Protein backbone atom coordinates (compact mmCIF):
# COMPACT_ATOMS: atom_id res chain seq x y z
CA UNK A 1 0.00 0.00 0.00
CA UNK A 2 2.84 2.42 0.77
CA UNK A 3 5.11 1.32 -2.07
CA UNK A 4 5.22 3.78 -4.96
CA UNK A 5 5.14 0.82 -7.35
CA UNK A 6 1.78 -0.20 -5.86
CA UNK A 7 -0.56 2.71 -6.55
CA UNK A 8 -3.36 2.47 -4.02
CA UNK A 9 -5.44 4.58 -6.38
CA UNK A 10 -5.96 1.46 -8.48
CA UNK A 11 -7.98 -0.17 -5.71
CA UNK A 12 -11.65 0.44 -6.48
CA UNK A 13 -12.62 0.39 -2.81
CA UNK A 14 -11.79 3.53 -0.82
CA UNK A 15 -12.13 4.24 2.88
CA UNK A 16 -12.67 7.96 3.22
CA UNK A 17 -10.50 10.29 1.17
CA UNK A 18 -7.42 9.29 -0.79
CA UNK A 19 -5.24 9.14 2.34
CA UNK A 20 -7.64 7.97 5.07
CA UNK A 21 -7.06 4.24 4.58
CA UNK A 22 -3.30 4.69 4.61
CA UNK A 23 -3.47 6.84 7.75
CA UNK A 24 -5.55 4.16 9.47
CA UNK A 25 -2.97 1.56 8.43
CA UNK A 26 -0.17 3.75 9.83
CA UNK A 27 -1.97 3.91 13.19
CA UNK A 28 -2.94 0.24 13.49
CA UNK A 29 0.18 -0.61 15.52
CA UNK A 30 -0.16 2.31 17.91
CA UNK A 31 -0.17 6.10 18.23
CA UNK A 32 2.04 8.26 16.03
CA UNK A 33 3.00 11.89 15.88
CA UNK A 34 2.29 14.04 12.82
CA UNK A 35 5.93 13.92 11.69
CA UNK A 36 5.99 10.13 12.11
CA UNK A 37 2.98 9.79 9.82
CA UNK A 38 4.71 11.76 7.05
CA UNK A 39 7.48 9.13 6.76
CA UNK A 40 5.42 6.25 5.28
CA UNK A 41 3.03 8.70 3.56
CA UNK A 42 5.76 10.10 1.32
CA UNK A 43 3.50 11.81 -1.20
CA UNK A 44 1.27 13.71 1.21
CA UNK A 45 1.67 17.40 1.95
CA UNK A 46 1.45 18.71 5.50
CA UNK A 47 -1.74 20.59 4.61
CA UNK A 48 -3.47 17.51 3.18
CA UNK A 49 -2.35 15.31 6.09
CA UNK A 50 -3.69 17.87 8.59
CA UNK A 51 -7.02 17.99 6.74
CA UNK A 52 -7.32 14.20 6.55
CA UNK A 53 -6.49 13.89 10.25
CA UNK A 54 -9.14 16.49 11.12
CA UNK A 55 -11.72 14.58 9.09
CA UNK A 56 -10.81 11.26 10.72
CA UNK A 57 -11.05 12.88 14.18
CA UNK A 58 -14.41 14.45 13.27
CA UNK A 59 -15.72 11.06 12.11
CA UNK A 60 -14.61 9.38 15.34
CA UNK A 61 -12.07 7.08 13.69
CA UNK A 62 -8.99 8.54 15.38
CA UNK A 63 -8.33 10.57 18.49
CA UNK A 64 -5.92 13.49 18.80
CA UNK A 65 -4.13 13.71 22.13
CA UNK A 66 -2.10 16.79 23.07
CA UNK A 67 0.45 16.02 25.77
CA UNK A 68 1.36 18.97 28.01
CA UNK A 69 4.80 20.39 28.76
CA UNK A 70 7.65 19.72 29.32
CA UNK A 71 7.65 17.55 26.18
CA UNK A 72 4.74 19.07 24.33
CA UNK A 73 3.61 16.77 21.56
CA UNK A 74 0.47 15.68 19.75
CA UNK A 75 -0.27 12.05 18.97
CA UNK A 76 -2.94 10.43 16.84
CA UNK A 77 -4.38 6.99 17.60
CA UNK A 78 -7.19 4.80 16.37
CA UNK A 79 -10.41 4.76 18.35
CA UNK A 80 -12.30 1.46 18.75
CA UNK A 81 -14.45 2.59 15.81
CA UNK A 82 -11.34 3.24 13.72
CA UNK A 83 -9.85 -0.11 14.74
CA UNK A 84 -13.06 -1.80 13.54
CA UNK A 85 -12.15 -0.64 10.01
CA UNK A 86 -9.06 -2.88 9.90
CA UNK A 87 -11.05 -6.06 9.10
CA UNK A 88 -12.99 -4.54 6.18
CA UNK A 89 -9.77 -2.94 4.91
CA UNK A 90 -8.00 -6.31 5.05
CA UNK A 91 -10.85 -7.83 3.03
CA UNK A 92 -10.68 -5.02 0.45
CA UNK A 93 -6.90 -5.41 0.16
CA UNK A 94 -7.22 -9.19 -0.29
CA UNK A 95 -9.83 -8.65 -3.02
CA UNK A 96 -7.58 -6.13 -4.77
CA UNK A 97 -4.59 -8.51 -4.62
CA UNK A 98 -6.75 -11.31 -6.05
CA UNK A 99 -7.99 -9.15 -8.94
CA UNK A 100 -4.86 -7.02 -9.46
CA UNK A 101 -4.14 -8.23 -13.00
CA UNK A 102 -7.75 -7.74 -14.07
CA UNK A 103 -7.77 -4.23 -12.63
CA UNK A 104 -4.54 -3.35 -14.44
CA UNK A 105 -5.83 -4.81 -17.72
CA UNK A 106 -9.06 -2.83 -17.46
CA UNK A 107 -7.21 0.39 -16.64
CA UNK A 108 -4.83 -0.08 -19.57
CA UNK A 109 -7.67 -0.97 -21.96
CA UNK A 110 -9.63 2.14 -21.02
CA UNK A 111 -6.63 4.42 -21.53
CA UNK A 112 -5.63 2.92 -24.90
CA UNK A 113 -6.33 5.13 -27.90
CA UNK A 114 -9.52 4.21 -29.75
C-alpha atoms as a PDB file:
ATOM      1  CA  UNK A   1       0.000   0.000   0.000  1.00  0.00           C
ATOM      2  CA  UNK A   2       2.837   2.419   0.769  1.00  0.00           C
ATOM      3  CA  UNK A   3       5.107   1.325  -2.073  1.00  0.00           C
ATOM      4  CA  UNK A   4       5.221   3.783  -4.955  1.00  0.00           C
ATOM      5  CA  UNK A   5       5.139   0.817  -7.351  1.00  0.00           C
ATOM      6  CA  UNK A   6       1.781  -0.200  -5.864  1.00  0.00           C
ATOM      7  CA  UNK A   7      -0.556   2.707  -6.551  1.00  0.00           C
ATOM      8  CA  UNK A   8      -3.358   2.474  -4.016  1.00  0.00           C
ATOM      9  CA  UNK A   9      -5.440   4.583  -6.381  1.00  0.00           C
ATOM     10  CA  UNK A  10      -5.957   1.458  -8.484  1.00  0.00           C
ATOM     11  CA  UNK A  11      -7.984  -0.170  -5.709  1.00  0.00           C
ATOM     12  CA  UNK A  12     -11.653   0.441  -6.485  1.00  0.00           C
ATOM     13  CA  UNK A  13     -12.617   0.388  -2.806  1.00  0.00           C
ATOM     14  CA  UNK A  14     -11.786   3.527  -0.822  1.00  0.00           C
ATOM     15  CA  UNK A  15     -12.134   4.239   2.883  1.00  0.00           C
ATOM     16  CA  UNK A  16     -12.674   7.958   3.218  1.00  0.00           C
ATOM     17  CA  UNK A  17     -10.499  10.294   1.174  1.00  0.00           C
ATOM     18  CA  UNK A  18      -7.422   9.293  -0.792  1.00  0.00           C
ATOM     19  CA  UNK A  19      -5.242   9.139   2.335  1.00  0.00           C
ATOM     20  CA  UNK A  20      -7.639   7.969   5.073  1.00  0.00           C
ATOM     21  CA  UNK A  21      -7.059   4.237   4.583  1.00  0.00           C
ATOM     22  CA  UNK A  22      -3.303   4.687   4.609  1.00  0.00           C
ATOM     23  CA  UNK A  23      -3.469   6.841   7.751  1.00  0.00           C
ATOM     24  CA  UNK A  24      -5.554   4.165   9.472  1.00  0.00           C
ATOM     25  CA  UNK A  25      -2.967   1.559   8.429  1.00  0.00           C
ATOM     26  CA  UNK A  26      -0.171   3.748   9.833  1.00  0.00           C
ATOM     27  CA  UNK A  27      -1.966   3.908  13.190  1.00  0.00           C
ATOM     28  CA  UNK A  28      -2.937   0.243  13.486  1.00  0.00           C
ATOM     29  CA  UNK A  29       0.181  -0.610  15.523  1.00  0.00           C
ATOM     30  CA  UNK A  30      -0.163   2.305  17.914  1.00  0.00           C
ATOM     31  CA  UNK A  31      -0.170   6.096  18.230  1.00  0.00           C
ATOM     32  CA  UNK A  32       2.036   8.262  16.035  1.00  0.00           C
ATOM     33  CA  UNK A  33       2.997  11.892  15.878  1.00  0.00           C
ATOM     34  CA  UNK A  34       2.292  14.044  12.824  1.00  0.00           C
ATOM     35  CA  UNK A  35       5.928  13.920  11.694  1.00  0.00           C
ATOM     36  CA  UNK A  36       5.991  10.135  12.108  1.00  0.00           C
ATOM     37  CA  UNK A  37       2.977   9.790   9.816  1.00  0.00           C
ATOM     38  CA  UNK A  38       4.711  11.758   7.053  1.00  0.00           C
ATOM     39  CA  UNK A  39       7.477   9.128   6.755  1.00  0.00           C
ATOM     40  CA  UNK A  40       5.419   6.250   5.277  1.00  0.00           C
ATOM     41  CA  UNK A  41       3.026   8.696   3.564  1.00  0.00           C
ATOM     42  CA  UNK A  42       5.758  10.098   1.317  1.00  0.00           C
ATOM     43  CA  UNK A  43       3.502  11.812  -1.204  1.00  0.00           C
ATOM     44  CA  UNK A  44       1.270  13.710   1.210  1.00  0.00           C
ATOM     45  CA  UNK A  45       1.674  17.399   1.948  1.00  0.00           C
ATOM     46  CA  UNK A  46       1.453  18.714   5.498  1.00  0.00           C
ATOM     47  CA  UNK A  47      -1.738  20.587   4.609  1.00  0.00           C
ATOM     48  CA  UNK A  48      -3.472  17.511   3.177  1.00  0.00           C
ATOM     49  CA  UNK A  49      -2.346  15.312   6.094  1.00  0.00           C
ATOM     50  CA  UNK A  50      -3.687  17.867   8.587  1.00  0.00           C
ATOM     51  CA  UNK A  51      -7.016  17.989   6.743  1.00  0.00           C
ATOM     52  CA  UNK A  52      -7.318  14.203   6.549  1.00  0.00           C
ATOM     53  CA  UNK A  53      -6.486  13.887  10.252  1.00  0.00           C
ATOM     54  CA  UNK A  54      -9.138  16.494  11.122  1.00  0.00           C
ATOM     55  CA  UNK A  55     -11.722  14.580   9.087  1.00  0.00           C
ATOM     56  CA  UNK A  56     -10.814  11.257  10.724  1.00  0.00           C
ATOM     57  CA  UNK A  57     -11.048  12.884  14.182  1.00  0.00           C
ATOM     58  CA  UNK A  58     -14.406  14.446  13.272  1.00  0.00           C
ATOM     59  CA  UNK A  59     -15.721  11.062  12.108  1.00  0.00           C
ATOM     60  CA  UNK A  60     -14.612   9.379  15.339  1.00  0.00           C
ATOM     61  CA  UNK A  61     -12.067   7.082  13.694  1.00  0.00           C
ATOM     62  CA  UNK A  62      -8.994   8.542  15.377  1.00  0.00           C
ATOM     63  CA  UNK A  63      -8.331  10.570  18.492  1.00  0.00           C
ATOM     64  CA  UNK A  64      -5.923  13.489  18.798  1.00  0.00           C
ATOM     65  CA  UNK A  65      -4.127  13.707  22.132  1.00  0.00           C
ATOM     66  CA  UNK A  66      -2.098  16.787  23.066  1.00  0.00           C
ATOM     67  CA  UNK A  67       0.451  16.019  25.771  1.00  0.00           C
ATOM     68  CA  UNK A  68       1.359  18.973  28.011  1.00  0.00           C
ATOM     69  CA  UNK A  69       4.797  20.394  28.755  1.00  0.00           C
ATOM     70  CA  UNK A  70       7.650  19.721  29.322  1.00  0.00           C
ATOM     71  CA  UNK A  71       7.650  17.553  26.176  1.00  0.00           C
ATOM     72  CA  UNK A  72       4.740  19.070  24.330  1.00  0.00           C
ATOM     73  CA  UNK A  73       3.609  16.767  21.555  1.00  0.00           C
ATOM     74  CA  UNK A  74       0.467  15.678  19.750  1.00  0.00           C
ATOM     75  CA  UNK A  75      -0.270  12.048  18.966  1.00  0.00           C
ATOM     76  CA  UNK A  76      -2.941  10.429  16.841  1.00  0.00           C
ATOM     77  CA  UNK A  77      -4.375   6.992  17.599  1.00  0.00           C
ATOM     78  CA  UNK A  78      -7.191   4.800  16.374  1.00  0.00           C
ATOM     79  CA  UNK A  79     -10.409   4.755  18.350  1.00  0.00           C
ATOM     80  CA  UNK A  80     -12.301   1.460  18.751  1.00  0.00           C
ATOM     81  CA  UNK A  81     -14.450   2.591  15.813  1.00  0.00           C
ATOM     82  CA  UNK A  82     -11.345   3.241  13.721  1.00  0.00           C
ATOM     83  CA  UNK A  83      -9.850  -0.108  14.742  1.00  0.00           C
ATOM     84  CA  UNK A  84     -13.062  -1.799  13.544  1.00  0.00           C
ATOM     85  CA  UNK A  85     -12.150  -0.637  10.011  1.00  0.00           C
ATOM     86  CA  UNK A  86      -9.055  -2.879   9.900  1.00  0.00           C
ATOM     87  CA  UNK A  87     -11.054  -6.057   9.102  1.00  0.00           C
ATOM     88  CA  UNK A  88     -12.985  -4.544   6.178  1.00  0.00           C
ATOM     89  CA  UNK A  89      -9.772  -2.941   4.912  1.00  0.00           C
ATOM     90  CA  UNK A  90      -7.997  -6.315   5.055  1.00  0.00           C
ATOM     91  CA  UNK A  91     -10.850  -7.834   3.028  1.00  0.00           C
ATOM     92  CA  UNK A  92     -10.680  -5.020   0.447  1.00  0.00           C
ATOM     93  CA  UNK A  93      -6.897  -5.407   0.159  1.00  0.00           C
ATOM     94  CA  UNK A  94      -7.223  -9.189  -0.287  1.00  0.00           C
ATOM     95  CA  UNK A  95      -9.827  -8.653  -3.018  1.00  0.00           C
ATOM     96  CA  UNK A  96      -7.584  -6.131  -4.768  1.00  0.00           C
ATOM     97  CA  UNK A  97      -4.594  -8.511  -4.622  1.00  0.00           C
ATOM     98  CA  UNK A  98      -6.755 -11.314  -6.053  1.00  0.00           C
ATOM     99  CA  UNK A  99      -7.991  -9.151  -8.936  1.00  0.00           C
ATOM    100  CA  UNK A 100      -4.862  -7.022  -9.457  1.00  0.00           C
ATOM    101  CA  UNK A 101      -4.136  -8.227 -12.999  1.00  0.00           C
ATOM    102  CA  UNK A 102      -7.752  -7.738 -14.071  1.00  0.00           C
ATOM    103  CA  UNK A 103      -7.766  -4.227 -12.634  1.00  0.00           C
ATOM    104  CA  UNK A 104      -4.536  -3.351 -14.445  1.00  0.00           C
ATOM    105  CA  UNK A 105      -5.828  -4.808 -17.723  1.00  0.00           C
ATOM    106  CA  UNK A 106      -9.062  -2.827 -17.459  1.00  0.00           C
ATOM    107  CA  UNK A 107      -7.208   0.385 -16.640  1.00  0.00           C
ATOM    108  CA  UNK A 108      -4.825  -0.084 -19.573  1.00  0.00           C
ATOM    109  CA  UNK A 109      -7.668  -0.970 -21.959  1.00  0.00           C
ATOM    110  CA  UNK A 110      -9.630   2.143 -21.018  1.00  0.00           C
ATOM    111  CA  UNK A 111      -6.632   4.417 -21.533  1.00  0.00           C
ATOM    112  CA  UNK A 112      -5.632   2.919 -24.900  1.00  0.00           C
ATOM    113  CA  UNK A 113      -6.332   5.131 -27.902  1.00  0.00           C
ATOM    114  CA  UNK A 114      -9.523   4.212 -29.748  1.00  0.00           C
END
